[in-house]
């Protein structure tokens, strides 16, 4: 199982899938107006929590991942599938749904 050391997540994505946790942006209040959670957009930054073993190639080997556990990545608003595990929300998505690596 591949998971970050401090996450404690016991989910292992299969194949070329990646498990991420969306990072909440820092909340800014402009002019005393507080935007309710239901009106906020989903954050596009996420932390890679676990990765699968990679896509199996024709020769039987596995294609290496471009991301690793702990990377901060950019994902689309509606990318992947949302899951809840131990009270935390995660996304499982294919590696090719990741738009880029931050930093």
N, C-alpha and C. Protein backbone atom coordinates (compact mmCIF):
# COMPACT_ATOMS: atom_id res chain seq x y z
N UNK A 1 0.83 -1.17 0.00
CA UNK A 1 0.00 0.00 0.00
C UNK A 1 0.88 1.24 0.00
N UNK A 2 0.52 2.19 -0.81
CA UNK A 2 1.26 3.43 -0.88
C UNK A 2 0.41 4.52 -0.25
N UNK A 3 0.92 5.17 0.76
CA UNK A 3 0.20 6.28 1.39
C UNK A 3 1.23 7.14 2.08
N UNK A 4 0.86 8.39 2.28
CA UNK A 4 1.81 9.27 2.96
C UNK A 4 1.93 8.84 4.41
N UNK A 5 3.07 9.10 5.00
CA UNK A 5 3.35 8.63 6.35
C UNK A 5 2.41 9.21 7.39
N UNK A 6 2.02 10.47 7.23
CA UNK A 6 1.19 11.09 8.25
C UNK A 6 -0.30 11.02 7.95
N UNK A 7 -0.70 10.50 6.79
CA UNK A 7 -2.12 10.50 6.46
C UNK A 7 -2.88 9.35 7.11
N UNK A 8 -2.27 8.19 7.23
CA UNK A 8 -2.95 7.05 7.82
C UNK A 8 -4.04 6.48 6.94
N UNK A 9 -4.10 6.85 5.67
CA UNK A 9 -5.13 6.38 4.75
C UNK A 9 -4.83 4.95 4.34
N UNK A 10 -5.84 4.12 4.39
CA UNK A 10 -5.67 2.71 4.06
C UNK A 10 -6.34 2.38 2.73
N UNK A 11 -6.31 3.31 1.78
CA UNK A 11 -6.88 3.10 0.46
C UNK A 11 -5.74 3.07 -0.54
N UNK A 12 -5.72 2.05 -1.39
CA UNK A 12 -4.69 1.95 -2.41
C UNK A 12 -5.36 2.03 -3.78
N UNK A 13 -5.13 3.10 -4.53
CA UNK A 13 -5.70 3.20 -5.88
C UNK A 13 -5.12 2.11 -6.78
N UNK A 14 -5.89 1.70 -7.76
CA UNK A 14 -5.45 0.67 -8.70
C UNK A 14 -4.96 1.30 -10.00
N UNK A 15 -4.05 0.62 -10.68
CA UNK A 15 -3.57 1.04 -11.99
C UNK A 15 -2.98 2.44 -11.99
N UNK A 16 -3.49 3.28 -12.91
CA UNK A 16 -2.95 4.63 -13.04
C UNK A 16 -3.78 5.67 -12.28
N UNK A 17 -4.43 5.24 -11.22
CA UNK A 17 -5.25 6.16 -10.45
C UNK A 17 -4.48 6.75 -9.28
N UNK A 18 -4.93 7.95 -8.87
CA UNK A 18 -4.28 8.72 -7.82
C UNK A 18 -5.33 9.13 -6.81
N UNK A 19 -5.01 9.02 -5.53
CA UNK A 19 -5.89 9.47 -4.45
C UNK A 19 -5.38 10.82 -3.97
N UNK A 20 -6.24 11.85 -4.00
CA UNK A 20 -5.84 13.19 -3.58
C UNK A 20 -6.82 13.74 -2.56
N UNK A 21 -6.34 14.71 -1.78
CA UNK A 21 -7.18 15.44 -0.84
C UNK A 21 -7.12 16.90 -1.26
N UNK A 22 -8.29 17.49 -1.54
CA UNK A 22 -8.33 18.89 -1.94
C UNK A 22 -7.83 19.77 -0.80
N UNK A 23 -7.04 20.77 -1.14
CA UNK A 23 -6.51 21.70 -0.14
C UNK A 23 -7.43 22.90 -0.07
N UNK A 24 -7.85 23.25 1.13
CA UNK A 24 -8.74 24.38 1.32
C UNK A 24 -7.95 25.68 1.22
N UNK A 25 -8.43 26.62 0.42
CA UNK A 25 -7.72 27.90 0.33
C UNK A 25 -7.91 28.69 1.61
N UNK A 26 -6.99 29.60 1.85
CA UNK A 26 -7.13 30.45 3.02
C UNK A 26 -8.31 31.38 2.79
N UNK A 27 -9.14 31.52 3.81
CA UNK A 27 -10.36 32.30 3.68
C UNK A 27 -10.07 33.78 3.84
N UNK A 28 -10.50 34.56 2.84
CA UNK A 28 -10.33 36.00 2.91
C UNK A 28 -11.72 36.63 3.04
N UNK A 29 -11.83 37.59 3.93
CA UNK A 29 -13.09 38.29 4.11
C UNK A 29 -12.90 39.71 3.61
N UNK A 30 -13.69 40.10 2.62
CA UNK A 30 -13.61 41.43 2.05
C UNK A 30 -14.82 42.24 2.49
N UNK A 31 -14.60 43.32 3.21
CA UNK A 31 -15.68 44.21 3.62
C UNK A 31 -16.67 43.57 4.57
N UNK A 32 -16.25 42.57 5.32
CA UNK A 32 -17.13 41.94 6.30
C UNK A 32 -18.11 40.95 5.72
N UNK A 33 -18.00 40.62 4.42
CA UNK A 33 -18.91 39.67 3.78
C UNK A 33 -18.32 38.27 3.89
N UNK A 34 -19.09 37.37 4.46
CA UNK A 34 -18.65 35.98 4.58
C UNK A 34 -19.45 35.15 3.59
N UNK A 35 -18.74 34.43 2.73
CA UNK A 35 -19.39 33.60 1.72
C UNK A 35 -19.66 32.23 2.33
N UNK A 36 -20.92 31.74 2.26
CA UNK A 36 -21.23 30.43 2.84
C UNK A 36 -20.54 29.31 2.06
N UNK A 37 -20.29 28.19 2.74
CA UNK A 37 -19.60 27.05 2.13
C UNK A 37 -20.29 26.56 0.87
N UNK A 38 -21.62 26.62 0.83
CA UNK A 38 -22.35 26.12 -0.33
C UNK A 38 -22.13 26.96 -1.57
N UNK A 39 -21.72 28.22 -1.42
CA UNK A 39 -21.50 29.10 -2.56
C UNK A 39 -20.05 29.13 -3.01
N UNK A 40 -19.17 28.51 -2.27
CA UNK A 40 -17.74 28.53 -2.61
C UNK A 40 -17.45 27.51 -3.70
N UNK A 41 -16.47 27.86 -4.53
CA UNK A 41 -16.04 26.93 -5.56
C UNK A 41 -15.10 25.90 -4.95
N UNK A 42 -15.06 24.73 -5.59
CA UNK A 42 -14.14 23.69 -5.11
C UNK A 42 -12.71 24.14 -5.38
N UNK A 43 -11.82 23.89 -4.43
CA UNK A 43 -10.42 24.26 -4.67
C UNK A 43 -9.82 23.40 -5.77
N UNK A 44 -8.89 23.98 -6.51
CA UNK A 44 -8.27 23.25 -7.60
C UNK A 44 -6.93 22.64 -7.20
N UNK A 45 -6.42 23.01 -6.02
CA UNK A 45 -5.17 22.42 -5.55
C UNK A 45 -5.48 21.23 -4.67
N UNK A 46 -4.65 20.20 -4.78
CA UNK A 46 -4.84 19.00 -3.98
C UNK A 46 -3.48 18.39 -3.65
N UNK A 47 -3.46 17.63 -2.57
CA UNK A 47 -2.25 16.91 -2.17
C UNK A 47 -2.41 15.45 -2.56
N UNK A 48 -1.37 14.89 -3.19
CA UNK A 48 -1.38 13.48 -3.56
C UNK A 48 -1.17 12.67 -2.28
N UNK A 49 -2.14 11.80 -1.98
CA UNK A 49 -2.11 11.00 -0.75
C UNK A 49 -1.61 9.59 -1.04
N UNK A 50 -1.99 9.04 -2.19
CA UNK A 50 -1.57 7.68 -2.55
C UNK A 50 -1.64 7.52 -4.07
N UNK A 51 -0.83 6.63 -4.60
CA UNK A 51 -0.84 6.35 -6.04
C UNK A 51 -0.91 4.84 -6.26
N UNK A 52 -1.42 4.46 -7.44
CA UNK A 52 -1.48 3.04 -7.79
C UNK A 52 -0.12 2.55 -8.24
N UNK A 53 -0.11 1.43 -8.95
CA UNK A 53 1.15 0.85 -9.42
C UNK A 53 1.51 1.32 -10.83
N UNK A 54 0.61 2.03 -11.49
CA UNK A 54 0.88 2.52 -12.85
C UNK A 54 0.19 1.67 -13.90
N UNK A 55 0.10 2.23 -15.09
CA UNK A 55 -0.52 1.54 -16.21
C UNK A 55 0.38 0.41 -16.68
N UNK A 56 -0.22 -0.74 -16.94
CA UNK A 56 0.56 -1.87 -17.45
C UNK A 56 0.78 -1.69 -18.95
N UNK A 57 2.02 -1.74 -19.36
CA UNK A 57 2.37 -1.58 -20.78
C UNK A 57 2.28 -2.91 -21.50
N UNK A 58 2.38 -2.88 -22.83
CA UNK A 58 2.27 -4.10 -23.64
C UNK A 58 3.31 -5.14 -23.29
N UNK A 59 4.50 -4.71 -22.87
CA UNK A 59 5.56 -5.67 -22.53
C UNK A 59 5.45 -6.19 -21.10
N UNK A 60 4.39 -5.78 -20.38
CA UNK A 60 4.17 -6.27 -19.01
C UNK A 60 4.73 -5.38 -17.93
N UNK A 61 5.58 -4.43 -18.31
CA UNK A 61 6.12 -3.51 -17.31
C UNK A 61 5.09 -2.43 -16.97
N UNK A 62 5.40 -1.61 -15.99
CA UNK A 62 4.49 -0.55 -15.57
C UNK A 62 5.08 0.81 -15.94
N UNK A 63 4.22 1.69 -16.42
CA UNK A 63 4.65 3.06 -16.73
C UNK A 63 4.81 3.82 -15.42
N UNK A 64 5.90 4.53 -15.24
CA UNK A 64 6.10 5.26 -13.98
C UNK A 64 5.17 6.48 -13.89
N UNK A 65 4.83 6.85 -12.68
CA UNK A 65 4.00 8.04 -12.45
C UNK A 65 4.85 9.29 -12.55
N UNK A 66 4.23 10.40 -12.97
CA UNK A 66 4.91 11.69 -12.98
C UNK A 66 4.74 12.40 -11.65
N UNK A 67 3.76 11.98 -10.85
CA UNK A 67 3.53 12.57 -9.53
C UNK A 67 3.93 11.58 -8.46
N UNK A 68 4.22 12.10 -7.27
CA UNK A 68 4.53 11.23 -6.14
C UNK A 68 3.72 11.66 -4.93
N UNK A 69 3.66 10.79 -3.95
CA UNK A 69 2.94 11.07 -2.71
C UNK A 69 3.54 12.31 -2.08
N UNK A 70 2.68 13.25 -1.68
CA UNK A 70 3.11 14.49 -1.06
C UNK A 70 3.15 15.66 -2.02
N UNK A 71 3.10 15.41 -3.34
CA UNK A 71 3.08 16.50 -4.32
C UNK A 71 1.79 17.31 -4.20
N UNK A 72 1.88 18.61 -4.46
CA UNK A 72 0.70 19.45 -4.58
C UNK A 72 0.41 19.59 -6.06
N UNK A 73 -0.81 19.26 -6.47
CA UNK A 73 -1.17 19.23 -7.88
C UNK A 73 -2.39 20.09 -8.15
N UNK A 74 -2.60 20.43 -9.41
CA UNK A 74 -3.79 21.14 -9.85
C UNK A 74 -4.71 20.14 -10.53
N UNK A 75 -5.99 20.15 -10.12
CA UNK A 75 -6.97 19.25 -10.73
C UNK A 75 -8.19 20.08 -11.13
N UNK A 76 -8.98 19.55 -12.03
CA UNK A 76 -10.20 20.22 -12.46
C UNK A 76 -11.27 20.21 -11.38
N UNK A 77 -12.21 21.14 -11.48
CA UNK A 77 -13.27 21.25 -10.48
C UNK A 77 -14.09 19.97 -10.36
N UNK A 78 -14.30 19.31 -11.49
CA UNK A 78 -15.16 18.12 -11.50
C UNK A 78 -14.39 16.84 -11.82
N UNK A 79 -13.10 16.85 -11.62
CA UNK A 79 -12.26 15.70 -11.94
C UNK A 79 -12.47 14.58 -10.93
N UNK A 80 -12.38 13.36 -11.40
CA UNK A 80 -12.39 12.20 -10.52
C UNK A 80 -13.72 11.90 -9.85
N UNK A 81 -13.64 11.03 -8.87
CA UNK A 81 -14.79 10.59 -8.10
C UNK A 81 -14.56 10.92 -6.64
N UNK A 82 -15.53 11.59 -6.02
CA UNK A 82 -15.41 11.94 -4.61
C UNK A 82 -15.73 10.72 -3.75
N UNK A 83 -14.91 10.50 -2.72
CA UNK A 83 -15.19 9.44 -1.75
C UNK A 83 -14.98 10.00 -0.35
N UNK A 84 -15.63 9.39 0.62
CA UNK A 84 -15.39 9.72 2.02
C UNK A 84 -14.83 8.48 2.68
N UNK A 85 -13.78 8.68 3.46
CA UNK A 85 -13.14 7.57 4.16
C UNK A 85 -12.70 8.08 5.52
N UNK A 86 -13.16 7.46 6.57
CA UNK A 86 -12.85 7.87 7.94
C UNK A 86 -13.15 9.35 8.19
N UNK A 87 -14.28 9.83 7.63
CA UNK A 87 -14.70 11.21 7.85
C UNK A 87 -13.99 12.25 7.01
N UNK A 88 -13.03 11.85 6.19
CA UNK A 88 -12.29 12.78 5.32
C UNK A 88 -12.78 12.61 3.89
N UNK A 89 -12.77 13.71 3.12
CA UNK A 89 -13.15 13.66 1.72
C UNK A 89 -11.92 13.59 0.83
N UNK A 90 -11.97 12.69 -0.15
CA UNK A 90 -10.88 12.49 -1.08
C UNK A 90 -11.44 12.43 -2.50
N UNK A 91 -10.56 12.49 -3.48
CA UNK A 91 -10.89 12.29 -4.88
C UNK A 91 -10.01 11.17 -5.40
N UNK A 92 -10.59 10.28 -6.17
CA UNK A 92 -9.79 9.29 -6.90
C UNK A 92 -9.91 9.66 -8.37
N UNK A 93 -8.76 9.86 -9.02
CA UNK A 93 -8.78 10.25 -10.41
C UNK A 93 -7.63 9.60 -11.15
N UNK A 94 -7.74 9.56 -12.46
CA UNK A 94 -6.65 9.03 -13.28
C UNK A 94 -5.54 10.06 -13.33
N UNK A 95 -4.31 9.59 -13.48
CA UNK A 95 -3.17 10.50 -13.50
C UNK A 95 -3.31 11.53 -14.63
N UNK A 96 -3.88 11.15 -15.75
CA UNK A 96 -3.99 12.10 -16.85
C UNK A 96 -5.04 13.19 -16.63
N UNK A 97 -5.82 13.10 -15.53
CA UNK A 97 -6.76 14.16 -15.16
C UNK A 97 -6.06 15.25 -14.34
N UNK A 98 -4.83 15.00 -13.92
CA UNK A 98 -4.07 16.01 -13.18
C UNK A 98 -3.53 17.01 -14.19
N UNK A 99 -3.78 18.31 -13.91
CA UNK A 99 -3.41 19.36 -14.85
C UNK A 99 -1.95 19.78 -14.72
N UNK A 100 -1.39 19.70 -13.50
CA UNK A 100 -0.01 20.10 -13.31
C UNK A 100 0.43 19.93 -11.88
N UNK A 101 1.73 20.06 -11.66
CA UNK A 101 2.32 19.96 -10.32
C UNK A 101 2.71 21.37 -9.89
N UNK A 102 2.32 21.76 -8.68
CA UNK A 102 2.64 23.07 -8.14
C UNK A 102 4.02 23.03 -7.50
N UNK A 103 4.84 24.01 -7.83
CA UNK A 103 6.15 24.13 -7.20
C UNK A 103 7.17 23.48 -7.97
